[in-house]
Amino acid sequence: MDESLTVVRLGAQGDGVAESAVGDLYLPGILPGESVMRDSDGRTRSIGPPSPERRIEPLCPHVARCGGCAVQHMDDTLYARWKAGLLSAALAQRGLAATTTPMLAVPLASRRRATFAGVWIDGSARLGFHGAGTHTVEPIAKCAVLRPAIVAALPELARLVAILIPKDAPFRVSVLAADNGLDVAIDGKAPARVARQAAEIALAMRSAKVIRLTLADEPFLMLTPPVLKMAGVDVTPPPGAFLQAAAETDAILADLVLAAVGKAKRVADLFAGLGTLSLALAARARVLSVDNDPSLLDALGKAVAGTQGLKPVERLRRDLFRDPLSPRELDRIDAVVLDPPRAGAAAQSEALARSKVRRVVMVSCNPATLARDLRTLVDGGYVLERTTAVDQFLFTPHLEAVAVLGRR
């Protein structure tokens, strides 16, 4: 029998949740207060008026087919409440609560890096994003979240691909908008002859405003080194280096971290990466920067060496998943900052919980693993003082967050 259902809340992916006879149903694109009809085959269709929470017109013409954004149909108030609630819900699942400061967000059209899927249409290469839950590629002409320089370059980048990759061969293109041009990596198998086409490729790169090209994970041609300004310091990232999605996020995180560590004189920046936080911290404190990627540490070292006025930055290569800093090593540190990948920092958190470090600041792109690691620290004697959600992945269920802890 057909069943009429009304959405009562939003799920973690931004989909509407309706309670039915067979359990909760998750309905993408449906908002609280809206109704759907579910037939005996499990198919649903919208039947109710727009949500009283005020549904709005999406910003992007590709939103119905592109899988990049999930929730452009929410108004600002509902969106902010749902997004910030992702962090609160993750903490609550671990029995944690803290003072929550207002969510901070990057502006529209600020995302500086993206990876595009490739598709051949009528013999021409096109770049786009996969549709939600499909392998279909939606070519992109506009985007509400990417920097305009990236979107404007897509046709020229497709022509560059056509020079490098045989027709109908699979490919992907990763783009970073550096401060002085585009840093591009093409993942695809190029024929041997491209090595003899350097002049043609260089012209195509200039047309697309590409300053460095990496092909199949190997450096191919660099017209000038890409440069990023981080905490006022010029940094040249190695190809494929991890970066926050928006430059504005760098500034937001640096401000939150600096306020949290206060007057600490020696700070450890764990999972330091390219030094986004290390460089900000080095303006006022001695810094121990720890990461397992030598290319990132080398780039950080060159940036520090070329900058006056910074406190000493000691670099240490270490796999913190397998070999975390011990309590004895940590006890000489005043404050610790961690910015691990999505898997979190379980082993390092356990070591921190046994240390005497007074201040800990955790930065995370995964509220679930953040809450897990915070639980370890709280059980080890820390107090969770405050948390801040940072929305740098606009219109998606992904969230950055910063948590501040102090010893009892």
Protein backbone atom coordinates (compact mmCIF):
# COMPACT_ATOMS: atom_id res chain seq x y z
CA MET A 1 0.00 0.00 0.00
CA ASP A 2 1.05 3.58 -0.59
CA GLU A 3 2.20 5.36 2.54
CA SER A 4 2.23 9.10 3.19
CA LEU A 5 5.26 10.20 5.23
CA THR A 6 6.40 13.49 6.72
CA VAL A 7 10.06 14.31 7.30
CA VAL A 8 10.70 15.05 10.97
CA ARG A 9 14.41 15.86 11.07
CA LEU A 10 17.65 16.04 9.09
CA GLY A 11 20.17 13.21 9.01
CA ALA A 12 23.94 13.42 9.18
CA GLN A 13 24.17 13.55 5.37
CA GLY A 14 21.65 16.38 5.12
CA ASP A 15 18.85 14.09 3.96
CA GLY A 16 15.37 14.24 5.43
CA VAL A 17 14.45 11.50 7.90
CA ALA A 18 10.89 10.15 7.91
CA GLU A 19 9.58 7.52 10.30
CA SER A 20 7.81 4.68 8.53
CA ALA A 21 6.39 1.25 9.34
CA VAL A 22 9.69 -0.34 8.23
CA GLY A 23 11.91 2.09 10.15
CA ASP A 24 13.54 5.42 9.39
CA LEU A 25 13.73 6.42 5.74
CA TYR A 26 16.45 8.79 4.54
CA LEU A 27 15.28 11.04 1.71
CA PRO A 28 17.84 13.25 -0.06
CA GLY A 29 16.62 16.73 -0.85
CA ILE A 30 13.56 16.61 1.44
CA LEU A 31 13.35 19.01 4.39
CA PRO A 32 11.63 18.77 7.78
CA GLY A 33 7.91 19.41 7.44
CA GLU A 34 7.75 18.23 3.82
CA SER A 35 5.75 15.13 2.87
CA VAL A 36 6.37 12.30 0.44
CA MET A 37 4.36 9.37 -0.84
CA ARG A 38 6.05 5.97 -0.70
CA ASP A 39 4.61 3.27 -2.95
CA SER A 40 4.72 -0.50 -2.48
CA ASP A 41 7.95 -0.73 -4.52
CA GLY A 42 9.74 1.66 -2.16
CA ARG A 43 9.76 4.59 -4.57
CA THR A 44 9.01 8.02 -3.16
CA ARG A 45 7.72 11.27 -4.61
CA SER A 46 7.20 14.66 -3.03
CA ILE A 47 3.56 15.52 -2.40
CA GLY A 48 3.60 18.30 0.17
CA PRO A 49 4.15 22.05 -0.02
CA PRO A 50 7.66 23.49 0.51
CA SER A 51 9.03 23.17 4.02
CA PRO A 52 8.08 25.77 6.63
CA GLU A 53 11.85 25.80 7.32
CA ARG A 54 11.99 27.67 3.99
CA ARG A 55 13.40 25.81 1.05
CA ILE A 56 15.46 28.05 -1.22
CA GLU A 57 16.56 27.96 -4.85
CA PRO A 58 20.01 26.33 -5.23
CA LEU A 59 22.87 28.61 -6.25
CA CYS A 60 24.33 26.25 -8.84
CA PRO A 61 22.68 25.05 -12.08
CA HIS A 62 24.51 21.70 -11.79
CA VAL A 63 23.23 20.83 -8.32
CA ALA A 64 20.61 18.30 -9.49
CA ARG A 65 23.24 16.20 -11.28
CA CYS A 66 26.55 17.02 -9.60
CA GLY A 67 27.50 15.09 -6.47
CA GLY A 68 29.71 17.85 -5.06
CA CYS A 69 27.04 19.71 -3.05
CA ALA A 70 24.27 18.01 -1.09
CA VAL A 71 22.33 20.76 0.67
CA GLN A 72 22.06 23.91 -1.40
CA HIS A 73 18.28 23.75 -0.95
CA MET A 74 18.42 24.75 2.76
CA ASP A 75 18.09 28.36 3.87
CA ASP A 76 20.95 29.87 5.87
CA THR A 77 19.39 29.40 9.31
CA LEU A 78 18.49 25.75 8.83
CA TYR A 79 21.82 25.02 7.16
CA ALA A 80 23.86 26.56 10.00
CA ARG A 81 21.83 24.74 12.66
CA TRP A 82 22.24 21.39 10.89
CA LYS A 83 25.94 21.82 10.14
CA ALA A 84 26.96 22.92 13.65
CA GLY A 85 24.78 20.13 15.05
CA LEU A 86 27.02 17.53 13.41
CA LEU A 87 29.77 18.37 15.90
CA SER A 88 27.45 18.50 18.92
CA ALA A 89 25.95 15.14 17.99
CA ALA A 90 29.37 13.49 17.64
CA LEU A 91 30.43 14.79 21.05
CA ALA A 92 27.18 13.69 22.67
CA GLN A 93 27.67 10.13 21.40
CA ARG A 94 30.88 10.02 23.47
CA GLY A 95 29.24 11.62 26.50
CA LEU A 96 31.02 14.93 25.97
CA ALA A 97 29.79 18.50 26.17
CA ALA A 98 31.60 21.80 25.94
CA THR A 99 31.02 25.49 25.46
CA THR A 100 30.35 25.84 21.75
CA THR A 101 31.36 29.06 20.04
CA PRO A 102 29.48 30.21 16.91
CA MET A 103 30.32 28.31 13.74
CA LEU A 104 32.77 30.05 11.42
CA ALA A 105 32.50 29.66 7.66
CA VAL A 106 34.57 30.41 4.59
CA PRO A 107 32.97 32.56 1.86
CA LEU A 108 31.47 31.28 -1.35
CA ALA A 109 33.85 30.72 -4.28
CA SER A 110 36.82 30.21 -1.96
CA ARG A 111 37.77 26.56 -2.43
CA ARG A 112 41.28 26.49 -3.85
CA ARG A 113 41.72 22.81 -4.65
CA ALA A 114 39.60 20.20 -6.38
CA THR A 115 39.91 16.90 -8.20
CA PHE A 116 37.90 16.54 -11.39
CA ALA A 117 36.78 13.36 -13.07
CA GLY A 118 37.41 13.15 -16.79
CA VAL A 119 35.03 12.17 -19.56
CA TRP A 120 35.31 12.13 -23.34
CA ILE A 121 32.29 13.62 -25.17
CA ASP A 122 32.28 13.54 -28.99
CA GLY A 123 36.05 13.15 -28.99
CA SER A 124 36.67 16.10 -26.63
CA ALA A 125 37.85 15.91 -23.04
CA ARG A 126 35.56 17.39 -20.40
CA LEU A 127 36.13 17.90 -16.68
CA GLY A 128 33.49 17.62 -14.01
CA PHE A 129 32.29 15.94 -10.83
CA HIS A 130 30.66 12.55 -10.38
CA GLY A 131 26.94 12.58 -9.87
CA ALA A 132 25.76 11.61 -6.39
CA GLY A 133 26.15 7.85 -5.99
CA THR A 134 26.99 7.29 -9.67
CA HIS A 135 29.95 7.02 -12.03
CA THR A 136 28.38 9.55 -14.38
CA VAL A 137 30.45 12.70 -14.84
CA GLU A 138 28.70 16.06 -14.89
CA PRO A 139 30.83 18.60 -16.83
CA ILE A 140 31.10 21.84 -14.86
CA ALA A 141 30.55 25.33 -16.28
CA LYS A 142 29.74 27.11 -13.01
CA CYS A 143 30.41 26.37 -9.35
CA ALA A 144 29.31 28.15 -6.18
CA VAL A 145 32.22 26.94 -4.05
CA LEU A 146 35.31 26.81 -6.30
CA ARG A 147 37.55 29.78 -6.93
CA PRO A 148 36.54 31.44 -10.22
CA ALA A 149 40.08 30.99 -11.57
CA ILE A 150 39.67 27.20 -11.42
CA VAL A 151 36.27 27.20 -13.12
CA ALA A 152 37.44 29.60 -15.83
CA ALA A 153 40.43 27.36 -16.59
CA LEU A 154 38.46 24.12 -17.10
CA PRO A 155 38.05 24.41 -20.90
CA GLU A 156 41.77 25.12 -21.37
CA LEU A 157 42.68 22.33 -18.97
CA ALA A 158 40.53 19.97 -21.05
CA ARG A 159 42.50 21.00 -24.15
CA LEU A 160 45.73 20.36 -22.25
CA VAL A 161 44.46 16.88 -21.38
CA ALA A 162 43.70 16.24 -25.06
CA ILE A 163 47.39 16.82 -25.85
CA LEU A 164 48.63 14.53 -23.10
CA ILE A 165 46.11 11.68 -22.84
CA PRO A 166 44.96 9.41 -25.69
CA LYS A 167 41.31 9.85 -26.65
CA ASP A 168 38.84 7.73 -24.67
CA ALA A 169 41.53 6.84 -22.09
CA PRO A 170 40.53 7.45 -18.45
CA PHE A 171 41.98 10.44 -16.60
CA ARG A 172 41.55 12.67 -13.56
CA VAL A 173 42.78 16.22 -13.00
CA SER A 174 43.67 17.76 -9.65
CA VAL A 175 43.94 21.54 -9.47
CA LEU A 176 45.36 23.83 -6.79
CA ALA A 177 44.89 27.56 -7.17
CA ALA A 178 48.17 28.89 -5.80
CA ASP A 179 48.68 32.62 -5.31
CA ASN A 180 50.56 32.92 -8.61
CA GLY A 181 48.81 30.40 -10.87
CA LEU A 182 47.42 26.89 -11.12
CA ASP A 183 49.28 23.80 -9.92
CA VAL A 184 47.88 20.87 -11.92
CA ALA A 185 48.32 17.10 -11.69
CA ILE A 186 46.91 14.81 -14.38
CA ASP A 187 46.36 11.18 -13.47
CA GLY A 188 46.36 9.21 -16.70
CA LYS A 189 48.64 7.21 -18.96
CA ALA A 190 50.37 9.46 -21.49
CA PRO A 191 52.14 8.11 -24.59
CA ALA A 192 55.93 8.32 -24.73
CA ARG A 193 55.80 10.98 -27.46
CA VAL A 194 54.60 13.72 -25.07
CA ALA A 195 58.19 14.18 -23.92
CA ARG A 196 58.90 15.61 -27.40
CA GLN A 197 55.98 18.04 -27.19
CA ALA A 198 57.31 20.23 -24.38
CA ALA A 199 56.97 23.46 -26.39
CA GLU A 200 53.35 22.74 -27.35
CA ILE A 201 52.51 21.72 -23.80
CA ALA A 202 54.16 24.85 -22.37
CA LEU A 203 51.97 27.01 -24.64
CA ALA A 204 48.87 25.13 -23.53
CA MET A 205 49.91 25.55 -19.88
CA ARG A 206 50.30 29.31 -20.30
CA SER A 207 46.89 29.51 -21.95
CA ALA A 208 45.37 27.69 -18.96
CA LYS A 209 47.46 29.72 -16.47
CA VAL A 210 49.14 26.51 -15.26
CA ILE A 211 52.55 27.11 -13.70
CA ARG A 212 53.40 23.52 -12.71
CA LEU A 213 52.32 20.27 -14.28
CA THR A 214 52.60 16.80 -12.76
CA LEU A 215 51.80 13.84 -15.00
CA ALA A 216 51.08 10.34 -13.64
CA ASP A 217 52.63 11.32 -10.27
CA GLU A 218 55.88 12.45 -11.93
CA PRO A 219 57.02 16.09 -12.29
CA PHE A 220 56.64 17.02 -15.95
CA LEU A 221 57.09 20.76 -16.49
CA MET A 222 57.32 23.79 -14.21
CA LEU A 223 57.20 27.32 -15.57
CA THR A 224 57.59 28.86 -12.12
CA PRO A 225 57.25 27.44 -8.59
CA PRO A 226 53.75 27.77 -7.11
CA VAL A 227 53.60 29.95 -4.01
CA LEU A 228 51.11 30.07 -1.14
CA LYS A 229 51.06 32.73 1.56
CA MET A 230 50.70 31.08 4.97
CA ALA A 231 50.74 33.24 8.10
CA GLY A 232 52.53 35.85 6.02
CA VAL A 233 55.20 33.37 4.86
CA ASP A 234 55.73 32.28 1.24
CA VAL A 235 55.60 28.50 0.92
CA THR A 236 56.08 26.33 -2.17
CA PRO A 237 54.08 23.10 -1.72
CA PRO A 238 55.38 19.85 -3.21
CA PRO A 239 53.06 18.30 -5.83
CA GLY A 240 50.01 16.74 -4.21
CA ALA A 241 50.65 18.28 -0.80
CA PHE A 242 47.74 18.27 1.62
CA LEU A 243 46.26 21.74 2.13
CA GLN A 244 43.13 23.06 3.75
CA ALA A 245 40.40 23.45 1.15
CA ALA A 246 40.39 27.26 1.40
CA ALA A 247 43.07 29.79 2.27
CA GLU A 248 40.54 31.46 4.56
CA THR A 249 40.50 28.26 6.63
CA ASP A 250 44.23 28.66 7.28
CA ALA A 251 43.58 32.05 8.88
CA ILE A 252 40.55 30.86 10.87
CA LEU A 253 42.40 27.85 12.30
CA ALA A 254 45.53 29.90 13.06
CA ASP A 255 43.49 32.47 15.01
CA LEU A 256 41.72 29.77 17.03
CA VAL A 257 44.95 27.88 17.77
CA LEU A 258 46.92 30.98 18.76
CA ALA A 259 44.16 32.07 21.13
CA ALA A 260 44.09 28.60 22.69
CA VAL A 261 47.84 28.15 23.30
CA GLY A 262 48.12 31.64 24.78
CA LYS A 263 51.61 32.42 26.09
CA ALA A 264 53.03 28.92 25.72
CA LYS A 265 56.74 29.21 24.95
CA ARG A 266 57.26 25.76 23.40
CA VAL A 267 54.58 24.21 21.24
CA ALA A 268 54.48 20.87 19.41
CA ASP A 269 52.59 20.85 16.11
CA LEU A 270 51.78 17.21 15.44
CA PHE A 271 50.75 16.08 11.95
CA ALA A 272 52.20 19.45 10.95
CA GLY A 273 52.07 18.88 7.20
CA LEU A 274 53.23 21.89 5.24
CA GLY A 275 53.32 24.02 8.39
CA THR A 276 50.06 25.92 8.16
CA LEU A 277 49.87 26.12 11.96
CA SER A 278 53.60 25.86 12.67
CA LEU A 279 54.30 29.09 10.80
CA ALA A 280 51.59 30.96 12.70
CA LEU A 281 52.85 29.57 16.03
CA ALA A 282 56.48 30.40 15.24
CA ALA A 283 55.68 34.09 15.33
CA ARG A 284 55.52 33.83 19.14
CA ALA A 285 56.84 30.42 20.32
CA ARG A 286 59.48 27.79 19.66
CA VAL A 287 57.86 25.04 17.60
CA LEU A 288 58.47 21.33 17.19
CA SER A 289 56.87 20.33 13.86
CA VAL A 290 56.28 16.59 13.48
CA ASP A 291 55.14 14.82 10.32
CA ASN A 292 55.90 11.64 8.42
CA ASP A 293 56.19 13.23 4.96
CA PRO A 294 59.77 14.42 4.28
CA SER A 295 58.71 16.55 1.30
CA LEU A 296 56.34 18.56 3.49
CA LEU A 297 58.94 19.03 6.22
CA ASP A 298 61.49 20.09 3.61
CA ALA A 299 59.10 22.70 2.19
CA LEU A 300 58.44 23.97 5.71
CA GLY A 301 62.19 24.19 6.39
CA LYS A 302 62.79 26.23 3.24
CA ALA A 303 59.95 28.58 4.11
CA VAL A 304 61.32 29.14 7.63
CA ALA A 305 64.86 29.65 6.34
CA GLY A 306 63.67 32.36 3.97
CA THR A 307 61.70 34.29 6.59
CA GLN A 308 63.02 36.66 9.25
CA GLY A 309 61.48 37.19 12.66
CA LEU A 310 60.32 33.65 13.39
CA LYS A 311 61.15 31.69 16.52
CA PRO A 312 63.10 28.45 15.96
CA VAL A 313 61.18 25.66 14.22
CA GLU A 314 62.55 22.16 14.83
CA ARG A 315 61.38 19.55 12.31
CA LEU A 316 61.01 15.89 13.18
CA ARG A 317 60.02 13.09 10.82
CA ARG A 318 57.88 10.60 12.70
CA ASP A 319 55.00 8.25 11.98
CA LEU A 320 52.72 9.30 14.82
CA PHE A 321 50.30 6.45 14.13
CA ARG A 322 52.93 3.80 14.81
CA ASP A 323 55.34 5.77 16.99
CA PRO A 324 53.59 8.61 18.86
CA LEU A 325 55.56 11.05 20.98
CA SER A 326 55.89 9.51 24.42
CA PRO A 327 54.78 11.19 27.67
CA ARG A 328 58.45 11.74 28.49
CA GLU A 329 59.04 13.52 25.18
CA LEU A 330 55.87 15.55 25.61
CA ASP A 331 56.57 16.70 29.15
CA ARG A 332 59.01 19.36 27.92
CA ILE A 333 56.23 20.89 25.80
CA ASP A 334 53.90 23.63 27.08
CA ALA A 335 51.12 23.11 24.53
CA VAL A 336 50.36 20.54 21.85
CA VAL A 337 48.46 21.14 18.63
CA LEU A 338 47.22 18.15 16.61
CA ASP A 339 45.73 18.22 13.11
CA PRO A 340 45.50 14.54 12.10
CA PRO A 341 43.85 13.09 9.00
CA ARG A 342 40.31 11.69 9.09
CA ALA A 343 41.46 8.57 10.96
CA GLY A 344 42.25 10.74 13.97
CA ALA A 345 45.11 10.37 16.43
CA ALA A 346 44.17 7.49 18.72
CA ALA A 347 47.69 6.39 19.68
CA GLN A 348 48.96 9.94 20.16
CA SER A 349 45.92 10.87 22.25
CA GLU A 350 46.60 7.94 24.57
CA ALA A 351 50.18 9.14 25.06
CA LEU A 352 49.01 12.71 25.64
CA ALA A 353 46.55 11.51 28.26
CA ARG A 354 49.51 10.17 30.26
CA SER A 355 51.61 13.32 29.84
CA LYS A 356 51.88 16.55 31.81
CA VAL A 357 51.14 18.87 28.88
CA ARG A 358 48.96 21.70 30.12
CA ARG A 359 47.18 22.73 26.91
CA VAL A 360 45.98 20.65 23.95
CA VAL A 361 44.31 21.94 20.80
CA MET A 362 42.82 19.38 18.42
CA VAL A 363 41.93 20.27 14.83
CA SER A 364 39.93 17.67 12.92
CA CYS A 365 38.01 17.14 9.69
CA ASN A 366 36.08 14.20 11.18
CA PRO A 367 33.79 14.90 14.18
CA ALA A 368 33.51 11.16 14.95
CA THR A 369 37.24 10.49 15.39
CA LEU A 370 37.65 13.88 17.07
CA ALA A 371 35.06 12.91 19.69
CA ARG A 372 36.76 9.53 20.19
CA ASP A 373 40.15 11.14 20.82
CA LEU A 374 38.68 13.85 23.04
CA ARG A 375 37.09 11.12 25.17
CA THR A 376 40.54 9.60 25.66
CA LEU A 377 41.98 12.94 26.77
CA VAL A 378 39.09 13.73 29.12
CA ASP A 379 39.39 10.29 30.70
CA GLY A 380 43.10 11.06 31.15
CA GLY A 381 42.45 14.19 33.18
CA TYR A 382 41.84 16.95 30.65
CA VAL A 383 38.86 19.30 30.65
CA LEU A 384 37.18 20.01 27.32
CA GLU A 385 36.85 23.78 27.48
CA ARG A 386 35.35 24.79 24.15
CA THR A 387 34.74 23.66 20.59
CA THR A 388 34.30 25.56 17.34
CA ALA A 389 32.84 24.24 14.10
CA VAL A 390 34.47 25.56 10.93
CA ASP A 391 32.50 25.21 7.71
CA GLN A 392 35.09 25.04 4.96
CA PHE A 393 33.33 22.29 2.98
CA LEU A 394 30.31 24.34 1.99
CA PHE A 395 27.02 22.57 1.24
CA THR A 396 28.40 19.15 2.21
CA PRO A 397 28.18 16.98 5.36
CA HIS A 398 31.93 17.45 5.94
CA LEU A 399 33.05 19.69 8.78
CA GLU A 400 36.27 21.03 10.26
CA ALA A 401 36.38 21.53 14.02
CA VAL A 402 38.71 22.86 16.73
CA ALA A 403 38.62 21.66 20.35
CA VAL A 404 40.54 23.22 23.25
CA LEU A 405 41.50 21.27 26.38
CA GLY A 406 43.36 22.05 29.60
CA ARG A 407 44.66 19.96 32.47
CA ARG A 408 42.55 19.92 35.59
